[in-house]
Structures are given as structure tokens and as C-alpha cells.
Amino acid sequence: MNETESVQYELVDISEFDNMAMMAAEAFTRYEPISSALNISSEDFADFIRLLEPKLVREQLTVIARNQETQQIIGAMISDDFAIEPPKEILHLSDNFEPVWSVLDELDSQRLGRILPEGEYLHFFLLAVDHRQTGRKIAKNLVRTCMENGVGKGYKTGVVEASGVVSQHIFRKLGFVDRFEILYKTFMFQGNRIFDSIEEQHGIILMDKALAQ
């Protein structure tokens, strides 16, 4: 789809889904504040991504970054149609994921507490880049390519729950606007401040952007 500085940006293919899942899981559990605070292992996170495979491959909204010299997948913008429910199996993953669903449900319900039409809201779900590839604007190019693909498919609005300051900065630079925030220090799950250990991160923010006029 796009090519920048020996990096190819393209839609994920089913034959490479597992490679993408492992790369994204390793990157996400290394740096993303929520999964780090909950001690979610990269293996469990990869299993979570694998459960999304039928939905993601069918919708063709997920973009990967590939090193053209090594052919390795070095980044992914895992995206989907926000109106189409993910497989129910994700709710039966390890207990460590329960606070994740709780905080996302609370955040999304503040703005999107209604039935959404399919084909309109492009959900930027998981942004992951190999930690050895920093400084190459791969994350920004992944989001931009994903937006271009979504616009081509008729999506009108981009939505993201940005959980860390880096991703929040990237999406703001690309025109996304903060709508609602849940502070990590005050979020309660089953009577506990489950994210109290998160330092240097303020909260998770629901952001959106009009993709096409």
C-alpha cells in the first residue's frame, strides 16, 4: 500500500497473522501501561490477538509494517470495525484481562453508548512497533496508512482508546481529538485501584477524528 525508507506498509494476510500476533504481543506487553500493570504475558496477549483473526482478516482494516530487506514484520496497526462485536471467546481469557474489558467498556460508553452502524467507525485497536525500530516514524505511518485504507472503504470516523502518552501524542499529531479520559490512579475494579502501580502515565483517553467530509 505504501513504502517509506525500506519499510512496506500493507494489509495483513492470513498466512502471516501468527507472526504479526507474536510481534504485536511482545511489543505491547513490553511498553503498554495497562498490560504491564496487569502482568499479562506476551503468550497470553498473542492468544488474545489470535482470537481476533477471523474478524480482522475478513474486515481487511489491519495494516502491518514490513522490513523490505529482512521481510520481517516490525509493526502493526490492528484495526477493526467498531460496530462489529469481537468473538465472545475473548471474554474467557485469563482473569488478567477482566480489568481491560472493564476500563474499555466504561470509556467507550461515555461517548458511544448506542448502537453503531457497520462500516462507519474505524477502530484503531492496538498499535505496536518492534522496540528495535524506534525513531523511524513507523507508528505514525501505520496509523496514516490505516486511515487511508479506511477512507477508501467508506469509514467516516476514526476511534481509538489511547492508553499511553506515546500513542496519545501520535494520534493527536494526526488530528485525533481527546473526548474522554479515565485516570489510572482513580479507576476502580472490584473495589480496588487496579492501575495504581502505573507511573508516568496519566490515563486512558478516548479520541476520535473525522476521516472524510
N, C-alpha and C. Protein backbone atom coordinates (compact mmCIF):
# COMPACT_ATOMS: atom_id res chain seq x y z
N MET A 1 0.83 -1.21 0.00
CA MET A 1 0.00 0.00 0.00
C MET A 1 0.86 1.26 0.00
N ASN A 2 1.82 1.32 0.91
CA ASN A 2 2.74 2.45 1.00
C ASN A 2 4.15 1.93 1.24
N GLU A 3 5.14 2.75 0.90
CA GLU A 3 6.53 2.37 1.14
C GLU A 3 7.30 3.60 1.60
N THR A 4 8.03 3.47 2.71
CA THR A 4 8.81 4.58 3.25
C THR A 4 10.10 4.05 3.85
N GLU A 5 11.24 4.53 3.35
CA GLU A 5 12.55 4.19 3.90
C GLU A 5 12.70 2.69 4.13
N SER A 6 12.55 1.91 3.10
CA SER A 6 12.72 0.45 3.10
C SER A 6 11.72 -0.28 3.99
N VAL A 7 10.62 0.38 4.34
CA VAL A 7 9.54 -0.25 5.10
C VAL A 7 8.29 -0.27 4.23
N GLN A 8 7.70 -1.43 4.07
CA GLN A 8 6.48 -1.58 3.29
C GLN A 8 5.28 -1.67 4.23
N TYR A 9 4.24 -0.91 3.94
CA TYR A 9 3.01 -0.92 4.74
C TYR A 9 1.91 -1.58 3.91
N GLU A 10 1.31 -2.62 4.48
CA GLU A 10 0.34 -3.41 3.71
C GLU A 10 -0.68 -4.04 4.64
N LEU A 11 -1.79 -4.48 4.07
CA LEU A 11 -2.81 -5.17 4.85
C LEU A 11 -2.29 -6.54 5.28
N VAL A 12 -2.65 -6.95 6.47
CA VAL A 12 -2.19 -8.24 6.96
C VAL A 12 -2.87 -9.37 6.20
N ASP A 13 -2.11 -10.41 5.90
CA ASP A 13 -2.63 -11.59 5.21
C ASP A 13 -2.74 -12.73 6.22
N ILE A 14 -3.69 -13.61 6.00
CA ILE A 14 -3.91 -14.69 6.96
C ILE A 14 -2.67 -15.55 7.15
N SER A 15 -1.85 -15.68 6.11
CA SER A 15 -0.65 -16.52 6.21
C SER A 15 0.39 -15.94 7.17
N GLU A 16 0.29 -14.64 7.46
CA GLU A 16 1.26 -14.01 8.35
C GLU A 16 0.63 -13.52 9.64
N PHE A 17 -0.59 -13.93 9.89
CA PHE A 17 -1.28 -13.43 11.07
C PHE A 17 -0.56 -13.82 12.35
N ASP A 18 -0.09 -15.05 12.43
CA ASP A 18 0.56 -15.50 13.65
C ASP A 18 1.85 -14.72 13.92
N ASN A 19 2.62 -14.45 12.87
CA ASN A 19 3.84 -13.65 13.04
C ASN A 19 3.51 -12.25 13.55
N MET A 20 2.43 -11.67 13.01
CA MET A 20 2.00 -10.36 13.48
C MET A 20 1.58 -10.42 14.93
N ALA A 21 0.82 -11.46 15.29
CA ALA A 21 0.33 -11.58 16.67
C ALA A 21 1.48 -11.66 17.66
N MET A 22 2.51 -12.42 17.35
CA MET A 22 3.64 -12.57 18.26
C MET A 22 4.44 -11.28 18.38
N MET A 23 4.66 -10.59 17.24
CA MET A 23 5.38 -9.32 17.28
C MET A 23 4.61 -8.29 18.09
N ALA A 24 3.30 -8.16 17.82
CA ALA A 24 2.48 -7.16 18.50
C ALA A 24 2.38 -7.45 19.99
N ALA A 25 2.24 -8.72 20.35
CA ALA A 25 2.13 -9.09 21.76
C ALA A 25 3.41 -8.77 22.52
N GLU A 26 4.55 -9.06 21.92
CA GLU A 26 5.83 -8.77 22.58
C GLU A 26 6.00 -7.27 22.78
N ALA A 27 5.67 -6.48 21.75
CA ALA A 27 5.82 -5.03 21.85
C ALA A 27 4.84 -4.43 22.84
N PHE A 28 3.60 -4.92 22.80
CA PHE A 28 2.56 -4.34 23.64
C PHE A 28 2.82 -4.62 25.11
N THR A 29 3.15 -5.85 25.44
CA THR A 29 3.37 -6.18 26.85
C THR A 29 4.66 -5.58 27.39
N ARG A 30 5.53 -5.17 26.52
CA ARG A 30 6.78 -4.54 26.95
C ARG A 30 6.56 -3.09 27.37
N TYR A 31 5.69 -2.36 26.64
CA TYR A 31 5.59 -0.93 26.84
C TYR A 31 4.22 -0.42 27.24
N GLU A 32 3.14 -1.10 26.87
CA GLU A 32 1.80 -0.57 27.11
C GLU A 32 1.48 -0.62 28.59
N PRO A 33 1.02 0.49 29.20
CA PRO A 33 0.90 0.55 30.67
C PRO A 33 -0.12 -0.40 31.28
N ILE A 34 -1.27 -0.61 30.65
CA ILE A 34 -2.29 -1.45 31.25
C ILE A 34 -1.85 -2.91 31.29
N SER A 35 -1.38 -3.44 30.17
CA SER A 35 -0.95 -4.83 30.15
C SER A 35 0.26 -5.06 31.05
N SER A 36 1.12 -4.05 31.16
CA SER A 36 2.27 -4.17 32.07
C SER A 36 1.81 -4.20 33.52
N ALA A 37 0.87 -3.32 33.87
CA ALA A 37 0.37 -3.27 35.25
C ALA A 37 -0.33 -4.56 35.64
N LEU A 38 -0.97 -5.21 34.69
CA LEU A 38 -1.71 -6.44 34.97
C LEU A 38 -0.86 -7.70 34.81
N ASN A 39 0.42 -7.51 34.44
CA ASN A 39 1.34 -8.64 34.24
C ASN A 39 0.81 -9.65 33.23
N ILE A 40 0.21 -9.14 32.16
CA ILE A 40 -0.24 -10.03 31.08
C ILE A 40 0.98 -10.48 30.29
N SER A 41 1.13 -11.77 30.14
CA SER A 41 2.30 -12.29 29.43
C SER A 41 2.13 -12.09 27.93
N SER A 42 3.26 -12.07 27.22
CA SER A 42 3.20 -11.93 25.77
C SER A 42 2.49 -13.13 25.14
N GLU A 43 2.63 -14.31 25.75
CA GLU A 43 1.96 -15.51 25.23
C GLU A 43 0.44 -15.36 25.33
N ASP A 44 -0.04 -14.89 26.48
CA ASP A 44 -1.49 -14.69 26.65
C ASP A 44 -2.00 -13.59 25.72
N PHE A 45 -1.19 -12.55 25.54
CA PHE A 45 -1.63 -11.47 24.68
C PHE A 45 -1.67 -11.92 23.22
N ALA A 46 -0.71 -12.74 22.82
CA ALA A 46 -0.73 -13.28 21.46
C ALA A 46 -1.96 -14.16 21.24
N ASP A 47 -2.33 -14.94 22.26
CA ASP A 47 -3.54 -15.77 22.16
C ASP A 47 -4.77 -14.89 21.97
N PHE A 48 -4.81 -13.76 22.67
CA PHE A 48 -5.92 -12.81 22.52
C PHE A 48 -6.00 -12.31 21.08
N ILE A 49 -4.87 -11.91 20.51
CA ILE A 49 -4.87 -11.41 19.14
C ILE A 49 -5.28 -12.50 18.16
N ARG A 50 -4.84 -13.73 18.40
CA ARG A 50 -5.21 -14.84 17.51
C ARG A 50 -6.72 -15.07 17.49
N LEU A 51 -7.40 -14.82 18.60
CA LEU A 51 -8.85 -14.99 18.63
C LEU A 51 -9.54 -13.98 17.72
N LEU A 52 -8.88 -12.88 17.43
CA LEU A 52 -9.45 -11.86 16.56
C LEU A 52 -9.22 -12.14 15.08
N GLU A 53 -8.46 -13.19 14.78
CA GLU A 53 -8.05 -13.43 13.39
C GLU A 53 -9.21 -13.46 12.39
N PRO A 54 -10.26 -14.24 12.60
CA PRO A 54 -11.33 -14.27 11.58
C PRO A 54 -11.94 -12.89 11.32
N LYS A 55 -12.17 -12.14 12.38
CA LYS A 55 -12.75 -10.80 12.24
C LYS A 55 -11.80 -9.86 11.49
N LEU A 56 -10.53 -9.85 11.89
CA LEU A 56 -9.57 -8.91 11.31
C LEU A 56 -9.28 -9.24 9.85
N VAL A 57 -9.13 -10.53 9.54
CA VAL A 57 -8.85 -10.92 8.16
C VAL A 57 -10.05 -10.62 7.27
N ARG A 58 -11.25 -10.85 7.78
CA ARG A 58 -12.46 -10.59 7.00
C ARG A 58 -12.64 -9.10 6.71
N GLU A 59 -12.38 -8.26 7.71
CA GLU A 59 -12.64 -6.82 7.54
C GLU A 59 -11.56 -6.10 6.75
N GLN A 60 -10.32 -6.64 6.73
CA GLN A 60 -9.22 -6.04 5.95
C GLN A 60 -8.99 -4.57 6.31
N LEU A 61 -8.84 -4.33 7.61
CA LEU A 61 -8.57 -2.98 8.11
C LEU A 61 -7.25 -2.90 8.87
N THR A 62 -6.60 -4.03 9.09
CA THR A 62 -5.36 -4.08 9.87
C THR A 62 -4.15 -3.97 8.95
N VAL A 63 -3.24 -3.07 9.32
CA VAL A 63 -2.06 -2.79 8.50
C VAL A 63 -0.80 -3.23 9.25
N ILE A 64 0.13 -3.82 8.51
CA ILE A 64 1.42 -4.20 9.08
C ILE A 64 2.53 -3.41 8.40
N ALA A 65 3.66 -3.29 9.11
CA ALA A 65 4.88 -2.71 8.56
C ALA A 65 5.90 -3.82 8.39
N ARG A 66 6.51 -3.88 7.20
CA ARG A 66 7.46 -4.95 6.90
C ARG A 66 8.80 -4.36 6.50
N ASN A 67 9.87 -4.87 7.12
CA ASN A 67 11.22 -4.52 6.71
C ASN A 67 11.49 -5.19 5.37
N GLN A 68 11.71 -4.40 4.33
CA GLN A 68 11.84 -4.97 2.98
C GLN A 68 13.13 -5.77 2.80
N GLU A 69 14.12 -5.51 3.63
CA GLU A 69 15.37 -6.26 3.50
C GLU A 69 15.26 -7.63 4.14
N THR A 70 14.65 -7.69 5.32
CA THR A 70 14.55 -8.97 6.04
C THR A 70 13.20 -9.65 5.87
N GLN A 71 12.22 -8.89 5.38
CA GLN A 71 10.84 -9.36 5.22
C GLN A 71 10.14 -9.61 6.56
N GLN A 72 10.75 -9.18 7.64
CA GLN A 72 10.14 -9.35 8.96
C GLN A 72 9.06 -8.29 9.20
N ILE A 73 8.04 -8.69 9.94
CA ILE A 73 7.01 -7.75 10.36
C ILE A 73 7.55 -6.97 11.57
N ILE A 74 7.60 -5.66 11.45
CA ILE A 74 8.20 -4.84 12.50
C ILE A 74 7.19 -3.88 13.14
N GLY A 75 5.94 -3.94 12.70
CA GLY A 75 4.93 -3.09 13.30
C GLY A 75 3.54 -3.49 12.83
N ALA A 76 2.54 -3.09 13.59
CA ALA A 76 1.16 -3.40 13.22
C ALA A 76 0.21 -2.37 13.80
N MET A 77 -0.76 -1.97 13.01
CA MET A 77 -1.90 -1.18 13.49
C MET A 77 -3.12 -2.08 13.36
N ILE A 78 -3.43 -2.78 14.47
CA ILE A 78 -4.55 -3.72 14.48
C ILE A 78 -5.83 -2.91 14.61
N SER A 79 -6.63 -2.94 13.56
CA SER A 79 -7.83 -2.12 13.49
C SER A 79 -9.02 -2.97 13.04
N ASP A 80 -10.22 -2.52 13.45
CA ASP A 80 -11.41 -3.27 13.07
C ASP A 80 -12.61 -2.33 13.00
N ASP A 81 -13.74 -2.91 12.58
CA ASP A 81 -15.00 -2.18 12.55
C ASP A 81 -15.55 -2.14 13.96
N PHE A 82 -15.70 -0.94 14.50
CA PHE A 82 -16.10 -0.79 15.91
C PHE A 82 -17.51 -1.32 16.17
N ALA A 83 -18.34 -1.37 15.12
CA ALA A 83 -19.73 -1.79 15.31
C ALA A 83 -19.90 -3.30 15.32
N ILE A 84 -18.89 -4.03 14.87
CA ILE A 84 -18.99 -5.49 14.80
C ILE A 84 -18.31 -6.10 16.02
N GLU A 85 -19.07 -6.83 16.79
CA GLU A 85 -18.57 -7.38 18.04
C GLU A 85 -17.42 -8.37 17.80
N PRO A 86 -16.41 -8.34 18.67
CA PRO A 86 -15.35 -9.35 18.59
C PRO A 86 -15.89 -10.70 19.05
N PRO A 87 -15.17 -11.78 18.77
CA PRO A 87 -15.65 -13.10 19.21
C PRO A 87 -15.79 -13.16 20.73
N LYS A 88 -16.83 -13.82 21.19
CA LYS A 88 -17.12 -13.90 22.63
C LYS A 88 -16.02 -14.65 23.40
N GLU A 89 -15.20 -15.42 22.68
CA GLU A 89 -14.15 -16.18 23.34
C GLU A 89 -13.13 -15.29 24.06
N ILE A 90 -13.00 -14.02 23.61
CA ILE A 90 -12.02 -13.16 24.26
C ILE A 90 -12.39 -12.87 25.71
N LEU A 91 -13.68 -13.00 26.04
CA LEU A 91 -14.12 -12.74 27.41
C LEU A 91 -13.75 -13.87 28.35
N HIS A 92 -13.29 -14.99 27.79
CA HIS A 92 -12.95 -16.16 28.61
C HIS A 92 -11.45 -16.42 28.66
N LEU A 93 -10.68 -15.37 28.36
CA LEU A 93 -9.24 -15.46 28.51
C LEU A 93 -8.90 -15.43 30.00
N SER A 94 -7.65 -15.34 30.33
CA SER A 94 -7.24 -15.34 31.74
C SER A 94 -7.87 -14.18 32.49
N ASP A 95 -7.99 -14.32 33.80
CA ASP A 95 -8.61 -13.29 34.64
C ASP A 95 -7.90 -11.95 34.52
N ASN A 96 -6.64 -11.97 34.11
CA ASN A 96 -5.88 -10.72 33.99
C ASN A 96 -6.51 -9.75 32.99
N PHE A 97 -7.30 -10.29 32.05
CA PHE A 97 -7.89 -9.43 31.04
C PHE A 97 -9.17 -8.74 31.51
N GLU A 98 -9.76 -9.20 32.60
CA GLU A 98 -11.05 -8.64 33.03
C GLU A 98 -10.99 -7.13 33.28
N PRO A 99 -9.96 -6.61 33.96
CA PRO A 99 -9.90 -5.15 34.13
C PRO A 99 -9.77 -4.40 32.80
N VAL A 100 -9.17 -5.05 31.80
CA VAL A 100 -9.05 -4.43 30.48
C VAL A 100 -10.43 -4.18 29.89
N TRP A 101 -11.27 -5.24 29.89
CA TRP A 101 -12.63 -5.09 29.33
C TRP A 101 -13.41 -4.05 30.15
N SER A 102 -13.20 -4.03 31.45
CA SER A 102 -13.94 -3.11 32.31
C SER A 102 -13.62 -1.65 32.00
N VAL A 103 -12.34 -1.32 31.89
CA VAL A 103 -11.98 0.07 31.64
C VAL A 103 -12.36 0.49 30.23
N LEU A 104 -12.24 -0.42 29.26
CA LEU A 104 -12.64 -0.08 27.89
C LEU A 104 -14.14 0.12 27.79
N ASP A 105 -14.91 -0.74 28.44
CA ASP A 105 -16.37 -0.59 28.42
C ASP A 105 -16.79 0.74 29.02
N GLU A 106 -16.17 1.10 30.16
CA GLU A 106 -16.52 2.35 30.82
C GLU A 106 -16.17 3.55 29.95
N LEU A 107 -15.00 3.49 29.31
CA LEU A 107 -14.56 4.60 28.47
C LEU A 107 -15.45 4.74 27.24
N ASP A 108 -15.69 3.63 26.54
CA ASP A 108 -16.46 3.69 25.31
C ASP A 108 -17.91 4.11 25.56
N SER A 109 -18.47 3.71 26.69
CA SER A 109 -19.87 4.01 26.95
C SER A 109 -20.10 5.50 27.17
N GLN A 110 -19.06 6.24 27.50
CA GLN A 110 -19.22 7.67 27.74
C GLN A 110 -19.57 8.43 26.46
N ARG A 111 -19.14 7.92 25.32
CA ARG A 111 -19.44 8.60 24.06
C ARG A 111 -20.21 7.72 23.09
N LEU A 112 -20.00 6.42 23.16
CA LEU A 112 -20.56 5.53 22.14
C LEU A 112 -21.61 4.60 22.72
N GLY A 113 -22.40 5.12 23.63
CA GLY A 113 -23.40 4.30 24.29
C GLY A 113 -24.66 4.13 23.48
N ARG A 114 -24.51 3.73 22.24
CA ARG A 114 -25.66 3.48 21.37
C ARG A 114 -25.25 2.46 20.32
N ILE A 115 -26.24 1.96 19.61
CA ILE A 115 -25.95 1.01 18.54
C ILE A 115 -25.31 1.76 17.37
N LEU A 116 -24.16 1.28 16.93
CA LEU A 116 -23.43 1.95 15.86
C LEU A 116 -23.67 1.25 14.53
N PRO A 117 -23.71 2.01 13.45
CA PRO A 117 -23.86 1.39 12.12
C PRO A 117 -22.55 0.76 11.67
N GLU A 118 -22.63 -0.38 11.02
CA GLU A 118 -21.42 -1.01 10.48
C GLU A 118 -20.87 -0.18 9.33
N GLY A 119 -19.54 -0.24 9.16
CA GLY A 119 -18.91 0.44 8.05
C GLY A 119 -18.71 1.93 8.23
N GLU A 120 -18.87 2.43 9.46
CA GLU A 120 -18.74 3.87 9.69
C GLU A 120 -17.62 4.23 10.66
N TYR A 121 -17.46 3.45 11.74
CA TYR A 121 -16.46 3.75 12.76
C TYR A 121 -15.26 2.80 12.64
N LEU A 122 -14.12 3.37 12.29
CA LEU A 122 -12.87 2.60 12.19
C LEU A 122 -12.17 2.64 13.55
N HIS A 123 -11.98 1.48 14.14
CA HIS A 123 -11.44 1.35 15.49
C HIS A 123 -9.94 1.04 15.42
N PHE A 124 -9.13 1.97 15.88
CA PHE A 124 -7.68 1.77 15.95
C PHE A 124 -7.40 1.09 17.30
N PHE A 125 -7.30 -0.21 17.26
CA PHE A 125 -7.34 -1.01 18.49
C PHE A 125 -5.98 -1.14 19.16
N LEU A 126 -5.02 -1.72 18.48
CA LEU A 126 -3.70 -1.97 19.07
C LEU A 126 -2.61 -1.50 18.12
N LEU A 127 -1.82 -0.54 18.58
CA LEU A 127 -0.69 -0.03 17.80
C LEU A 127 0.60 -0.57 18.43
N ALA A 128 1.37 -1.31 17.65
CA ALA A 128 2.58 -1.95 18.19
C ALA A 128 3.71 -1.85 17.18
N VAL A 129 4.91 -1.51 17.68
CA VAL A 129 6.11 -1.44 16.85
C VAL A 129 7.24 -2.14 17.59
N ASP A 130 8.00 -2.93 16.87
CA ASP A 130 9.17 -3.60 17.43
C ASP A 130 10.07 -2.56 18.12
N HIS A 131 10.47 -2.86 19.36
CA HIS A 131 11.23 -1.86 20.14
C HIS A 131 12.58 -1.52 19.52
N ARG A 132 13.06 -2.35 18.60
CA ARG A 132 14.34 -2.07 17.93
C ARG A 132 14.17 -1.13 16.74
N GLN A 133 12.95 -0.70 16.46
CA GLN A 133 12.68 0.11 15.28
C GLN A 133 12.24 1.53 15.62
N THR A 134 12.53 1.97 16.83
CA THR A 134 12.10 3.31 17.24
C THR A 134 12.83 4.39 16.44
N GLY A 135 12.18 5.54 16.32
CA GLY A 135 12.79 6.68 15.64
C GLY A 135 12.63 6.69 14.14
N ARG A 136 11.85 5.75 13.60
CA ARG A 136 11.68 5.66 12.14
C ARG A 136 10.27 6.07 11.70
N LYS A 137 9.49 6.62 12.62
CA LYS A 137 8.12 7.07 12.33
C LYS A 137 7.22 5.95 11.83
N ILE A 138 7.53 4.73 12.23
CA ILE A 138 6.75 3.58 11.77
C ILE A 138 5.33 3.64 12.34
N ALA A 139 5.20 3.97 13.62
CA ALA A 139 3.87 4.03 14.23
C ALA A 139 2.99 5.05 13.51
N LYS A 140 3.54 6.23 13.27
CA LYS A 140 2.78 7.28 12.59
C LYS A 140 2.37 6.84 11.19
N ASN A 141 3.29 6.21 10.46
CA ASN A 141 2.98 5.76 9.11
C ASN A 141 1.95 4.63 9.11
N LEU A 142 1.98 3.78 10.13
CA LEU A 142 0.98 2.73 10.24
C LEU A 142 -0.41 3.33 10.40
N VAL A 143 -0.54 4.31 11.29
CA VAL A 143 -1.84 4.94 11.52
C VAL A 143 -2.30 5.65 10.26
N ARG A 144 -1.40 6.38 9.61
CA ARG A 144 -1.77 7.12 8.41
C ARG A 144 -2.23 6.16 7.30
N THR A 145 -1.50 5.06 7.11
CA THR A 145 -1.88 4.10 6.08
C THR A 145 -3.23 3.46 6.40
N CYS A 146 -3.44 3.18 7.69
CA CYS A 146 -4.70 2.60 8.12
C CYS A 146 -5.86 3.56 7.86
N MET A 147 -5.64 4.85 8.11
CA MET A 147 -6.67 5.85 7.83
C MET A 147 -6.99 5.89 6.34
N GLU A 148 -5.96 5.88 5.50
CA GLU A 148 -6.18 5.93 4.06
C GLU A 148 -6.99 4.72 3.60
N ASN A 149 -6.65 3.56 4.13
CA ASN A 149 -7.38 2.35 3.78
C ASN A 149 -8.84 2.44 4.24
N GLY A 150 -9.05 2.95 5.45
CA GLY A 150 -10.40 3.08 5.97
C GLY A 150 -11.25 4.04 5.16
N VAL A 151 -10.66 5.16 4.78
CA VAL A 151 -11.39 6.13 3.96
C VAL A 151 -11.79 5.49 2.63
N GLY A 152 -10.88 4.71 2.06
CA GLY A 152 -11.18 4.03 0.80
C GLY A 152 -12.32 3.04 0.92
N LYS A 153 -12.54 2.53 2.11
CA LYS A 153 -13.63 1.58 2.36
C LYS A 153 -14.90 2.28 2.85
N GLY A 154 -14.86 3.60 2.93
CA GLY A 154 -16.05 4.35 3.28
C GLY A 154 -16.23 4.69 4.75
N TYR A 155 -15.22 4.42 5.58
CA TYR A 155 -15.34 4.75 7.00
C TYR A 155 -15.28 6.27 7.19
N LYS A 156 -16.10 6.76 8.12
CA LYS A 156 -16.25 8.20 8.30
C LYS A 156 -15.55 8.73 9.54
N THR A 157 -15.41 7.89 10.57
CA THR A 157 -14.85 8.35 11.84
C THR A 157 -13.83 7.35 12.37
N GLY A 158 -12.70 7.84 12.84
CA GLY A 158 -11.71 7.01 13.49
C GLY A 158 -11.85 7.13 15.00
N VAL A 159 -11.73 6.01 15.69
CA VAL A 159 -11.87 5.98 17.15
C VAL A 159 -10.70 5.20 17.74
N VAL A 160 -10.12 5.69 18.83
CA VAL A 160 -9.04 4.98 19.50
C VAL A 160 -9.14 5.19 21.00
N GLU A 161 -8.84 4.13 21.76
CA GLU A 161 -8.65 4.25 23.21
C GLU A 161 -7.14 4.23 23.44
N ALA A 162 -6.54 5.41 23.50
CA ALA A 162 -5.09 5.53 23.59
C ALA A 162 -4.66 5.45 25.06
N SER A 163 -3.87 4.44 25.38
CA SER A 163 -3.58 4.16 26.79
C SER A 163 -2.24 4.69 27.28
N GLY A 164 -1.39 5.17 26.38
CA GLY A 164 -0.07 5.66 26.79
C GLY A 164 0.25 7.00 26.17
N VAL A 165 1.19 7.72 26.76
CA VAL A 165 1.49 9.07 26.28
C VAL A 165 2.06 9.06 24.86
N VAL A 166 2.77 8.00 24.48
CA VAL A 166 3.34 7.95 23.13
C VAL A 166 2.24 7.83 22.09
N SER A 167 1.34 6.87 22.29
CA SER A 167 0.25 6.71 21.32
C SER A 167 -0.67 7.92 21.32
N GLN A 168 -0.91 8.51 22.49
CA GLN A 168 -1.74 9.71 22.55
C GLN A 168 -1.12 10.84 21.73
N HIS A 169 0.20 10.98 21.83
CA HIS A 169 0.90 12.01 21.07
C HIS A 169 0.78 11.75 19.57
N ILE A 170 0.97 10.51 19.16
CA ILE A 170 0.92 10.16 17.74
C ILE A 170 -0.46 10.47 17.16
N PHE A 171 -1.51 10.05 17.86
CA PHE A 171 -2.85 10.27 17.33
C PHE A 171 -3.22 11.75 17.33
N ARG A 172 -2.78 12.49 18.33
CA ARG A 172 -3.04 13.94 18.31
C ARG A 172 -2.35 14.60 17.12
N LYS A 173 -1.12 14.19 16.83
CA LYS A 173 -0.39 14.76 15.69
C LYS A 173 -1.13 14.49 14.38
N LEU A 174 -1.89 13.42 14.34
CA LEU A 174 -2.62 13.05 13.12
C LEU A 174 -4.06 13.55 13.14
N GLY A 175 -4.38 14.44 14.08
CA GLY A 175 -5.66 15.11 14.06
C GLY A 175 -6.74 14.54 14.94
N PHE A 176 -6.42 13.53 15.75
CA PHE A 176 -7.42 12.98 16.66
C PHE A 176 -7.60 13.93 17.85
N VAL A 177 -8.81 13.98 18.36
CA VAL A 177 -9.17 14.91 19.44
C VAL A 177 -9.56 14.12 20.69
N ASP A 178 -9.06 14.56 21.84
CA ASP A 178 -9.43 13.94 23.12
C ASP A 178 -10.92 14.17 23.40
N ARG A 179 -11.61 13.10 23.80
CA ARG A 179 -13.03 13.22 24.14
C ARG A 179 -13.29 12.91 25.62
N PHE A 180 -12.79 11.78 26.09
CA PHE A 180 -13.00 11.39 27.48
C PHE A 180 -11.74 10.71 28.00
N GLU A 181 -11.50 10.84 29.29
CA GLU A 181 -10.33 10.21 29.90
C GLU A 181 -10.72 9.53 31.21
N ILE A 182 -10.12 8.37 31.45
CA ILE A 182 -10.23 7.69 32.74
C ILE A 182 -8.84 7.68 33.36
N LEU A 183 -8.72 8.25 34.55
CA LEU A 183 -7.42 8.34 35.21
C LEU A 183 -7.05 6.98 35.81
N TYR A 184 -5.80 6.59 35.62
CA TYR A 184 -5.35 5.30 36.16
C TYR A 184 -5.40 5.29 37.69
N LYS A 185 -5.08 6.38 38.31
CA LYS A 185 -4.99 6.42 39.78
C LYS A 185 -6.35 6.32 40.46
N THR A 186 -7.41 6.62 39.74
CA THR A 186 -8.72 6.63 40.37
C THR A 186 -9.65 5.53 39.87
N PHE A 187 -9.26 4.81 38.82
CA PHE A 187 -10.14 3.77 38.27
C PHE A 187 -10.27 2.61 39.26
N MET A 188 -11.51 2.20 39.50
CA MET A 188 -11.78 1.12 40.45
C MET A 188 -12.26 -0.12 39.72
N PHE A 189 -11.71 -1.27 40.12
CA PHE A 189 -12.17 -2.56 39.59
C PHE A 189 -12.34 -3.51 40.76
N GLN A 190 -13.57 -3.94 40.98
CA GLN A 190 -13.91 -4.83 42.10
C GLN A 190 -13.39 -4.27 43.43
N GLY A 191 -13.56 -2.97 43.59
CA GLY A 191 -13.21 -2.31 44.85
C GLY A 191 -11.74 -1.97 45.01
N ASN A 192 -10.95 -2.21 43.98
CA ASN A 192 -9.50 -1.94 44.07
C ASN A 192 -9.07 -0.94 42.99
N ARG A 193 -8.05 -0.16 43.33
CA ARG A 193 -7.43 0.72 42.34
C ARG A 193 -6.41 -0.14 41.57
N ILE A 194 -6.93 -0.83 40.58
CA ILE A 194 -6.17 -1.88 39.90
C ILE A 194 -4.96 -1.35 39.13
N PHE A 195 -5.02 -0.07 38.73
CA PHE A 195 -3.93 0.51 37.94
C PHE A 195 -3.08 1.49 38.76
N ASP A 196 -3.14 1.37 40.07
CA ASP A 196 -2.44 2.31 40.94
C ASP A 196 -0.91 2.25 40.75
N SER A 197 -0.41 1.14 40.24
CA SER A 197 1.04 1.00 40.06
C SER A 197 1.56 1.74 38.84
N ILE A 198 0.66 2.22 37.99
CA ILE A 198 1.10 2.89 36.76
C ILE A 198 1.64 4.28 37.10
N GLU A 199 2.89 4.50 36.79
CA GLU A 199 3.54 5.79 36.98
C GLU A 199 3.84 6.40 35.62
N GLU A 200 4.03 7.70 35.58
CA GLU A 200 4.43 8.42 34.37
C GLU A 200 3.39 8.35 33.25
N GLN A 201 2.20 7.84 33.54
CA GLN A 201 1.11 7.81 32.58
C GLN A 201 -0.13 8.33 33.30
N HIS A 202 -0.86 9.21 32.67
CA HIS A 202 -1.98 9.86 33.34
C HIS A 202 -3.25 9.02 33.30
N GLY A 203 -3.63 8.58 32.12
CA GLY A 203 -4.86 7.81 31.98
C GLY A 203 -5.07 7.34 30.56
N ILE A 204 -6.15 6.64 30.34
CA ILE A 204 -6.52 6.16 29.01
C ILE A 204 -7.55 7.13 28.44
N ILE A 205 -7.36 7.52 27.17
CA ILE A 205 -8.18 8.58 26.58
C ILE A 205 -8.91 8.05 25.35
N LEU A 206 -10.21 8.31 25.29
CA LEU A 206 -10.98 8.05 24.08
C LEU A 206 -10.80 9.24 23.16
N MET A 207 -10.33 8.98 21.94
CA MET A 207 -10.07 10.03 20.97
C MET A 207 -10.79 9.69 19.66
N ASP A 208 -11.12 10.71 18.89
CA ASP A 208 -11.71 10.43 17.58
C ASP A 208 -11.30 11.48 16.57
N LYS A 209 -11.63 11.19 15.31
CA LYS A 209 -11.27 12.07 14.20
C LYS A 209 -12.22 11.81 13.04
N ALA A 210 -12.69 12.86 12.41
CA ALA A 210 -13.47 12.71 11.18
C ALA A 210 -12.51 12.33 10.05
N LEU A 211 -12.73 11.17 9.44
CA LEU A 211 -11.82 10.67 8.41
C LEU A 211 -12.11 11.26 7.04
N ALA A 212 -13.38 11.54 6.79
CA ALA A 212 -13.77 12.06 5.48
C ALA A 212 -14.94 13.01 5.65
N GLN A 213 -14.95 14.02 4.84
CA GLN A 213 -16.02 15.03 4.90
C GLN A 213 -17.14 14.64 3.94
